[in-house]
Amino acid sequence: MWRVLILALMTGVAAGGIAVSARAQTAQPAPKPGSAPKEAAPRPAAPPANTNTNGKVTPKPESKPAAPPAGVAGGAEPTLIGQFGTWGAYSATPNGKKVCFALAKPSSSKTNPPNRPRDPAYAFVSTRPAEKVNNEVSVMIGYALKPGSESTVEVGGASFAMYTQGDGLWIKNAAEEERMVEAMRKSADLVVKGISAKGTETTDTFSLKGLAQALDKIAQDCRR
């Protein structure tokens, strides 16, 4: 039940529990922006639409990874176990089950139309040994995505279709996830494109500097 923990980490909202796996459970509505996160939305059925984006640079992106908020309930506060470039490696033990994840903010962002308000975006790669989940890639994009839309992630010269729910993105074809993570380990940047419920197109670029080291640290820590 990791995703509320991650959302709490990203938004600074104290969570009352840790949400169920995005891979294995039945879909539920995503929390409204600004509300305390509850049960996490799992991987829903992938919609057919695809999206492309263009835009102008929005005001100054943040480069620091998020810091864990105080007071996450159930003794599940994330602990920073290493900082590698723009990527922070974290671990936590919600309900006695260890989870580890790497987290970063975009190095640059564009919107079309420009200067549209949004919450911070985050990319993360999570490992949950109790659920036999290793290096699951997700993006919290900082706004409510257009219902039924599909987004894309570009890395290492390849493009991966991502399906959407609420403010979250997951890879459409889970069989490609390992190849995507390997590309992320070797590449300089990851580019995420999406479209909001209000029609705003976004392009976020994440530096991948330090990700390989963060994932190695997570693999080491989550074996314990």
C-alpha atoms as a PDB file:
ATOM      1  CA  MET A   1       0.000   0.000   0.000  1.00  0.00           C
ATOM      2  CA  TRP A   2       2.655   2.400  -1.122  1.00  0.00           C
ATOM      3  CA  ARG A   3       1.080   5.106  -3.203  1.00  0.00           C
ATOM      4  CA  VAL A   4      -0.512   7.207  -0.443  1.00  0.00           C
ATOM      5  CA  LEU A   5       2.916   7.182   1.189  1.00  0.00           C
ATOM      6  CA  ILE A   6       4.424   8.526  -2.025  1.00  0.00           C
ATOM      7  CA  LEU A   7       1.643  11.077  -2.458  1.00  0.00           C
ATOM      8  CA  ALA A   8       2.154  12.229   1.117  1.00  0.00           C
ATOM      9  CA  LEU A   9       5.861  12.520   0.429  1.00  0.00           C
ATOM     10  CA  MET A  10       5.240  14.565  -2.686  1.00  0.00           C
ATOM     11  CA  THR A  11       2.508  16.840  -1.415  1.00  0.00           C
ATOM     12  CA  GLY A  12       3.472  17.145   2.235  1.00  0.00           C
ATOM     13  CA  VAL A  13       0.030  15.883   3.268  1.00  0.00           C
ATOM     14  CA  ALA A  14       0.061  13.510   6.248  1.00  0.00           C
ATOM     15  CA  ALA A  15      -1.549  10.252   5.162  1.00  0.00           C
ATOM     16  CA  GLY A  16      -3.743   8.003   7.242  1.00  0.00           C
ATOM     17  CA  GLY A  17      -2.645   4.773   5.563  1.00  0.00           C
ATOM     18  CA  ILE A  18      -0.679   3.327   2.690  1.00  0.00           C
ATOM     19  CA  ALA A  19      -2.487   2.543  -0.533  1.00  0.00           C
ATOM     20  CA  VAL A  20      -2.775  -0.735  -2.399  1.00  0.00           C
ATOM     21  CA  SER A  21      -0.585  -1.816  -5.300  1.00  0.00           C
ATOM     22  CA  ALA A  22      -1.118  -0.062  -8.610  1.00  0.00           C
ATOM     23  CA  ARG A  23      -0.675  -3.358 -10.461  1.00  0.00           C
ATOM     24  CA  ALA A  24      -3.031  -5.749  -8.741  1.00  0.00           C
ATOM     25  CA  GLN A  25      -6.226  -4.201  -7.388  1.00  0.00           C
ATOM     26  CA  THR A  26      -9.580  -2.956  -8.670  1.00  0.00           C
ATOM     27  CA  ALA A  27      -9.735   0.623  -9.941  1.00  0.00           C
ATOM     28  CA  GLN A  28     -10.968   3.377  -7.639  1.00  0.00           C
ATOM     29  CA  PRO A  29     -11.377   7.119  -8.203  1.00  0.00           C
ATOM     30  CA  ALA A  30      -8.245   9.211  -7.755  1.00  0.00           C
ATOM     31  CA  PRO A  31      -8.325  11.764  -4.904  1.00  0.00           C
ATOM     32  CA  LYS A  32      -9.328  15.304  -5.753  1.00  0.00           C
ATOM     33  CA  PRO A  33      -6.446  17.787  -6.000  1.00  0.00           C
ATOM     34  CA  GLY A  34      -5.640  19.237  -2.590  1.00  0.00           C
ATOM     35  CA  SER A  35      -7.500  16.568  -0.626  1.00  0.00           C
ATOM     36  CA  ALA A  36      -5.821  14.155   1.761  1.00  0.00           C
ATOM     37  CA  PRO A  37      -4.970  11.046  -0.265  1.00  0.00           C
ATOM     38  CA  LYS A  38      -6.784   7.855   0.687  1.00  0.00           C
ATOM     39  CA  GLU A  39      -6.796   4.544  -1.189  1.00  0.00           C
ATOM     40  CA  ALA A  40      -4.541   4.689  -4.217  1.00  0.00           C
ATOM     41  CA  ALA A  41      -5.861   4.214  -7.708  1.00  0.00           C
ATOM     42  CA  PRO A  42      -4.508   1.000  -9.281  1.00  0.00           C
ATOM     43  CA  ARG A  43      -3.567   0.479 -12.903  1.00  0.00           C
ATOM     44  CA  PRO A  44      -6.915   0.966 -14.686  1.00  0.00           C
ATOM     45  CA  ALA A  45      -7.800  -0.392 -18.111  1.00  0.00           C
ATOM     46  CA  ALA A  46      -5.740   1.493 -20.668  1.00  0.00           C
ATOM     47  CA  PRO A  47      -7.675   4.000 -22.842  1.00  0.00           C
ATOM     48  CA  PRO A  48      -7.186   4.143 -26.630  1.00  0.00           C
ATOM     49  CA  ALA A  49      -6.352   7.805 -27.131  1.00  0.00           C
ATOM     50  CA  ASN A  50      -2.847   9.130 -27.692  1.00  0.00           C
ATOM     51  CA  THR A  51      -1.552  12.641 -27.065  1.00  0.00           C
ATOM     52  CA  ASN A  52       1.144  14.940 -28.355  1.00  0.00           C
ATOM     53  CA  THR A  53       2.244  18.241 -26.829  1.00  0.00           C
ATOM     54  CA  ASN A  54       3.921  21.517 -27.625  1.00  0.00           C
ATOM     55  CA  GLY A  55       4.439  24.569 -25.507  1.00  0.00           C
ATOM     56  CA  LYS A  56       6.437  27.343 -23.979  1.00  0.00           C
ATOM     57  CA  VAL A  57       8.575  27.313 -20.905  1.00  0.00           C
ATOM     58  CA  THR A  58       6.732  27.847 -17.619  1.00  0.00           C
ATOM     59  CA  PRO A  59       8.269  29.631 -14.665  1.00  0.00           C
ATOM     60  CA  LYS A  60      11.365  28.185 -13.004  1.00  0.00           C
ATOM     61  CA  PRO A  61      11.290  24.442 -12.393  1.00  0.00           C
ATOM     62  CA  GLU A  62      12.355  22.981  -9.091  1.00  0.00           C
ATOM     63  CA  SER A  63      15.326  20.612  -9.130  1.00  0.00           C
ATOM     64  CA  LYS A  64      15.449  19.284  -5.558  1.00  0.00           C
ATOM     65  CA  PRO A  65      13.711  15.998  -4.752  1.00  0.00           C
ATOM     66  CA  ALA A  66      10.922  16.170  -2.205  1.00  0.00           C
ATOM     67  CA  ALA A  67      11.647  15.763   1.482  1.00  0.00           C
ATOM     68  CA  PRO A  68       9.543  13.356   3.554  1.00  0.00           C
ATOM     69  CA  PRO A  69       6.724  15.105   5.443  1.00  0.00           C
ATOM     70  CA  ALA A  70       6.437  14.859   9.181  1.00  0.00           C
ATOM     71  CA  GLY A  71       3.726  12.796  10.803  1.00  0.00           C
ATOM     72  CA  VAL A  72       2.896  10.122   8.255  1.00  0.00           C
ATOM     73  CA  ALA A  73       0.678   7.775  10.237  1.00  0.00           C
ATOM     74  CA  GLY A  74       1.419   4.186  11.134  1.00  0.00           C
ATOM     75  CA  GLY A  75       5.170   4.657  11.530  1.00  0.00           C
ATOM     76  CA  ALA A  76       5.511   4.686   7.744  1.00  0.00           C
ATOM     77  CA  GLU A  77       7.514   7.875   7.263  1.00  0.00           C
ATOM     78  CA  PRO A  78       9.945   7.521   4.346  1.00  0.00           C
ATOM     79  CA  THR A  79      13.662   7.662   5.162  1.00  0.00           C
ATOM     80  CA  LEU A  80      16.155   9.140   2.710  1.00  0.00           C
ATOM     81  CA  ILE A  81      18.780   6.431   2.211  1.00  0.00           C
ATOM     82  CA  GLY A  82      20.795   8.224  -0.453  1.00  0.00           C
ATOM     83  CA  GLN A  83      20.867  11.270  -2.725  1.00  0.00           C
ATOM     84  CA  PHE A  84      22.244  10.696  -6.228  1.00  0.00           C
ATOM     85  CA  GLY A  85      22.154  13.674  -8.579  1.00  0.00           C
ATOM     86  CA  THR A  86      18.527  14.770  -8.848  1.00  0.00           C
ATOM     87  CA  TRP A  87      17.216  11.427  -7.534  1.00  0.00           C
ATOM     88  CA  GLY A  88      16.523  10.671  -3.895  1.00  0.00           C
ATOM     89  CA  ALA A  89      16.381   7.030  -2.770  1.00  0.00           C
ATOM     90  CA  TYR A  90      13.869   6.369   0.034  1.00  0.00           C
ATOM     91  CA  SER A  91      12.664   3.431   2.085  1.00  0.00           C
ATOM     92  CA  ALA A  92       9.698   2.911   4.392  1.00  0.00           C
ATOM     93  CA  THR A  93       7.951   0.024   6.135  1.00  0.00           C
ATOM     94  CA  PRO A  94       4.169   0.576   5.995  1.00  0.00           C
ATOM     95  CA  ASN A  95       2.267  -2.129   7.856  1.00  0.00           C
ATOM     96  CA  GLY A  96       5.536  -4.009   8.360  1.00  0.00           C
ATOM     97  CA  LYS A  97       6.164  -4.378   4.613  1.00  0.00           C
ATOM     98  CA  LYS A  98       9.243  -2.696   3.233  1.00  0.00           C
ATOM     99  CA  VAL A  99       8.963  -0.451   0.176  1.00  0.00           C
ATOM    100  CA  CYS A 100      11.734   1.490  -1.543  1.00  0.00           C
ATOM    101  CA  PHE A 101      11.555   4.119  -4.244  1.00  0.00           C
ATOM    102  CA  ALA A 102      13.578   6.646  -6.215  1.00  0.00           C
ATOM    103  CA  LEU A 103      11.997  10.075  -6.648  1.00  0.00           C
ATOM    104  CA  ALA A 104      12.803  13.201  -8.700  1.00  0.00           C
ATOM    105  CA  LYS A 105      11.224  16.460  -9.858  1.00  0.00           C
ATOM    106  CA  PRO A 106      11.423  17.743 -13.455  1.00  0.00           C
ATOM    107  CA  SER A 107      14.476  19.720 -14.494  1.00  0.00           C
ATOM    108  CA  SER A 108      12.271  21.704 -16.891  1.00  0.00           C
ATOM    109  CA  SER A 109       8.570  22.000 -17.742  1.00  0.00           C
ATOM    110  CA  LYS A 110       6.541  23.440 -20.625  1.00  0.00           C
ATOM    111  CA  THR A 111       2.816  24.077 -20.964  1.00  0.00           C
ATOM    112  CA  ASN A 112       0.593  25.040 -23.873  1.00  0.00           C
ATOM    113  CA  PRO A 113      -1.065  27.485 -23.259  1.00  0.00           C
ATOM    114  CA  PRO A 114       1.852  28.813 -21.198  1.00  0.00           C
ATOM    115  CA  ASN A 115       1.896  29.652 -17.475  1.00  0.00           C
ATOM    116  CA  ARG A 116      -1.033  27.460 -16.499  1.00  0.00           C
ATOM    117  CA  PRO A 117      -1.000  26.694 -12.734  1.00  0.00           C
ATOM    118  CA  ARG A 118      -0.291  23.149 -11.599  1.00  0.00           C
ATOM    119  CA  ASP A 119       1.064  21.229  -8.636  1.00  0.00           C
ATOM    120  CA  PRO A 120       4.651  19.938  -8.742  1.00  0.00           C
ATOM    121  CA  ALA A 121       5.269  16.891 -10.937  1.00  0.00           C
ATOM    122  CA  TYR A 122       7.290  13.870  -9.790  1.00  0.00           C
ATOM    123  CA  ALA A 123       8.688  10.728 -11.398  1.00  0.00           C
ATOM    124  CA  PHE A 124       9.359   7.720  -9.256  1.00  0.00           C
ATOM    125  CA  VAL A 125      10.480   4.102  -9.534  1.00  0.00           C
ATOM    126  CA  SER A 126       9.247   1.833  -6.747  1.00  0.00           C
ATOM    127  CA  THR A 127      10.137  -1.632  -5.490  1.00  0.00           C
ATOM    128  CA  ARG A 128       7.801  -3.582  -3.180  1.00  0.00           C
ATOM    129  CA  PRO A 129       9.271  -7.012  -2.364  1.00  0.00           C
ATOM    130  CA  ALA A 130       6.173  -8.263  -0.504  1.00  0.00           C
ATOM    131  CA  GLU A 131       4.163  -7.748  -3.712  1.00  0.00           C
ATOM    132  CA  LYS A 132       6.966  -9.036  -5.986  1.00  0.00           C
ATOM    133  CA  VAL A 133       7.051  -5.650  -7.701  1.00  0.00           C
ATOM    134  CA  ASN A 134      10.450  -4.448  -8.902  1.00  0.00           C
ATOM    135  CA  ASN A 135      11.194  -1.058 -10.471  1.00  0.00           C
ATOM    136  CA  GLU A 136       7.648   0.063 -11.257  1.00  0.00           C
ATOM    137  CA  VAL A 137       7.715   3.425 -13.061  1.00  0.00           C
ATOM    138  CA  SER A 138       5.034   6.012 -12.314  1.00  0.00           C
ATOM    139  CA  VAL A 139       4.623   9.748 -12.789  1.00  0.00           C
ATOM    140  CA  MET A 140       2.464  12.089 -10.726  1.00  0.00           C
ATOM    141  CA  ILE A 141       1.989  14.911 -13.171  1.00  0.00           C
ATOM    142  CA  GLY A 142       0.600  17.672 -10.939  1.00  0.00           C
ATOM    143  CA  TYR A 143      -2.892  18.115 -12.395  1.00  0.00           C
ATOM    144  CA  ALA A 144      -5.996  16.087 -13.237  1.00  0.00           C
ATOM    145  CA  LEU A 145      -5.353  14.403 -16.558  1.00  0.00           C
ATOM    146  CA  LYS A 146      -7.927  14.383 -19.332  1.00  0.00           C
ATOM    147  CA  PRO A 147     -10.214  11.365 -18.716  1.00  0.00           C
ATOM    148  CA  GLY A 148      -9.558   8.579 -21.205  1.00  0.00           C
ATOM    149  CA  SER A 149      -6.354  10.177 -22.433  1.00  0.00           C
ATOM    150  CA  GLU A 150      -3.036   8.462 -23.040  1.00  0.00           C
ATOM    151  CA  SER A 151       0.335  10.064 -22.432  1.00  0.00           C
ATOM    152  CA  THR A 152       3.855   9.257 -23.585  1.00  0.00           C
ATOM    153  CA  VAL A 153       7.286   8.910 -22.043  1.00  0.00           C
ATOM    154  CA  GLU A 154      10.327   9.318 -24.261  1.00  0.00           C
ATOM    155  CA  VAL A 155      13.697   7.967 -23.135  1.00  0.00           C
ATOM    156  CA  GLY A 156      16.786   6.705 -24.919  1.00  0.00           C
ATOM    157  CA  GLY A 157      15.274   7.290 -28.365  1.00  0.00           C
ATOM    158  CA  ALA A 158      12.215   5.146 -27.567  1.00  0.00           C
ATOM    159  CA  SER A 159       8.649   6.215 -26.845  1.00  0.00           C
ATOM    160  CA  PHE A 160       6.477   4.356 -24.318  1.00  0.00           C
ATOM    161  CA  ALA A 161       2.698   4.717 -24.154  1.00  0.00           C
ATOM    162  CA  MET A 162       1.416   5.570 -20.673  1.00  0.00           C
ATOM    163  CA  TYR A 163      -2.177   5.334 -19.554  1.00  0.00           C
ATOM    164  CA  THR A 164      -3.687   7.724 -17.063  1.00  0.00           C
ATOM    165  CA  GLN A 165      -5.903   7.929 -14.021  1.00  0.00           C
ATOM    166  CA  GLY A 166      -6.413  11.085 -11.996  1.00  0.00           C
ATOM    167  CA  ASP A 167      -2.979  12.706 -11.822  1.00  0.00           C
ATOM    168  CA  GLY A 168      -1.026   9.474 -12.356  1.00  0.00           C
ATOM    169  CA  LEU A 169       0.662   7.784 -15.318  1.00  0.00           C
ATOM    170  CA  TRP A 170       1.682   4.130 -15.683  1.00  0.00           C
ATOM    171  CA  ILE A 171       3.214   2.250 -18.591  1.00  0.00           C
ATOM    172  CA  LYS A 172       0.519   0.823 -20.835  1.00  0.00           C
ATOM    173  CA  ASN A 173       2.372  -2.389 -21.667  1.00  0.00           C
ATOM    174  CA  ALA A 174       3.865  -3.750 -18.440  1.00  0.00           C
ATOM    175  CA  ALA A 175       6.028  -6.156 -20.472  1.00  0.00           C
ATOM    176  CA  GLU A 176       8.006  -3.112 -21.695  1.00  0.00           C
ATOM    177  CA  GLU A 177       8.723  -1.774 -18.210  1.00  0.00           C
ATOM    178  CA  GLU A 178      12.051  -3.573 -17.751  1.00  0.00           C
ATOM    179  CA  ARG A 179      13.282  -2.227 -21.113  1.00  0.00           C
ATOM    180  CA  MET A 180      12.109   1.239 -20.131  1.00  0.00           C
ATOM    181  CA  VAL A 181      14.002   1.127 -16.812  1.00  0.00           C
ATOM    182  CA  GLU A 182      17.171  -0.058 -18.563  1.00  0.00           C
ATOM    183  CA  ALA A 183      16.849   2.856 -21.005  1.00  0.00           C
ATOM    184  CA  MET A 184      16.373   5.228 -18.068  1.00  0.00           C
ATOM    185  CA  ARG A 185      19.560   3.908 -16.433  1.00  0.00           C
ATOM    186  CA  LYS A 186      21.611   4.701 -19.540  1.00  0.00           C
ATOM    187  CA  SER A 187      19.992   7.912 -20.808  1.00  0.00           C
ATOM    188  CA  ALA A 188      20.370  11.577 -19.922  1.00  0.00           C
ATOM    189  CA  ASP A 189      16.707  12.599 -19.793  1.00  0.00           C
ATOM    190  CA  LEU A 190      13.166  11.309 -19.588  1.00  0.00           C
ATOM    191  CA  VAL A 191      10.432  13.370 -21.288  1.00  0.00           C
ATOM    192  CA  VAL A 192       6.811  13.026 -20.161  1.00  0.00           C
ATOM    193  CA  LYS A 193       3.935  14.412 -22.229  1.00  0.00           C
ATOM    194  CA  GLY A 194       0.344  14.737 -21.070  1.00  0.00           C
ATOM    195  CA  ILE A 195      -2.876  16.711 -21.432  1.00  0.00           C
ATOM    196  CA  SER A 196      -4.960  18.052 -18.568  1.00  0.00           C
ATOM    197  CA  ALA A 197      -8.707  17.775 -18.063  1.00  0.00           C
ATOM    198  CA  LYS A 198      -8.881  21.445 -19.157  1.00  0.00           C
ATOM    199  CA  GLY A 199      -6.929  20.783 -22.355  1.00  0.00           C
ATOM    200  CA  THR A 200      -3.539  22.143 -21.278  1.00  0.00           C
ATOM    201  CA  GLU A 201      -0.684  20.235 -22.912  1.00  0.00           C
ATOM    202  CA  THR A 202       2.443  19.659 -20.860  1.00  0.00           C
ATOM    203  CA  THR A 203       5.982  18.440 -21.447  1.00  0.00           C
ATOM    204  CA  ASP A 204       8.160  17.665 -18.409  1.00  0.00           C
ATOM    205  CA  THR A 205      11.826  16.754 -18.720  1.00  0.00           C
ATOM    206  CA  PHE A 206      13.451  14.789 -15.897  1.00  0.00           C
ATOM    207  CA  SER A 207      17.221  14.542 -15.635  1.00  0.00           C
ATOM    208  CA  LEU A 208      18.232  10.913 -15.176  1.00  0.00           C
ATOM    209  CA  LYS A 209      21.570  11.777 -13.614  1.00  0.00           C
ATOM    210  CA  GLY A 210      21.989   9.597 -10.532  1.00  0.00           C
ATOM    211  CA  LEU A 211      19.034   7.312 -11.234  1.00  0.00           C
ATOM    212  CA  ALA A 212      21.150   4.210 -11.842  1.00  0.00           C
ATOM    213  CA  GLN A 213      22.920   4.712  -8.504  1.00  0.00           C
ATOM    214  CA  ALA A 214      19.594   5.355  -6.738  1.00  0.00           C
ATOM    215  CA  LEU A 215      18.150   2.121  -8.151  1.00  0.00           C
ATOM    216  CA  ASP A 216      21.265   0.188  -7.106  1.00  0.00           C
ATOM    217  CA  LYS A 217      20.901   1.571  -3.582  1.00  0.00           C
ATOM    218  CA  ILE A 218      17.224   0.615  -3.500  1.00  0.00           C
ATOM    219  CA  ALA A 219      17.984  -2.912  -4.733  1.00  0.00           C
ATOM    220  CA  GLN A 220      20.542  -3.279  -1.960  1.00  0.00           C
ATOM    221  CA  ASP A 221      18.342  -1.819   0.777  1.00  0.00           C
ATOM    222  CA  CYS A 222      15.149  -3.672  -0.147  1.00  0.00           C
ATOM    223  CA  ARG A 223      16.875  -7.067   0.041  1.00  0.00           C
ATOM    224  CA  ARG A 224      17.373  -6.638   3.786  1.00  0.00           C
END
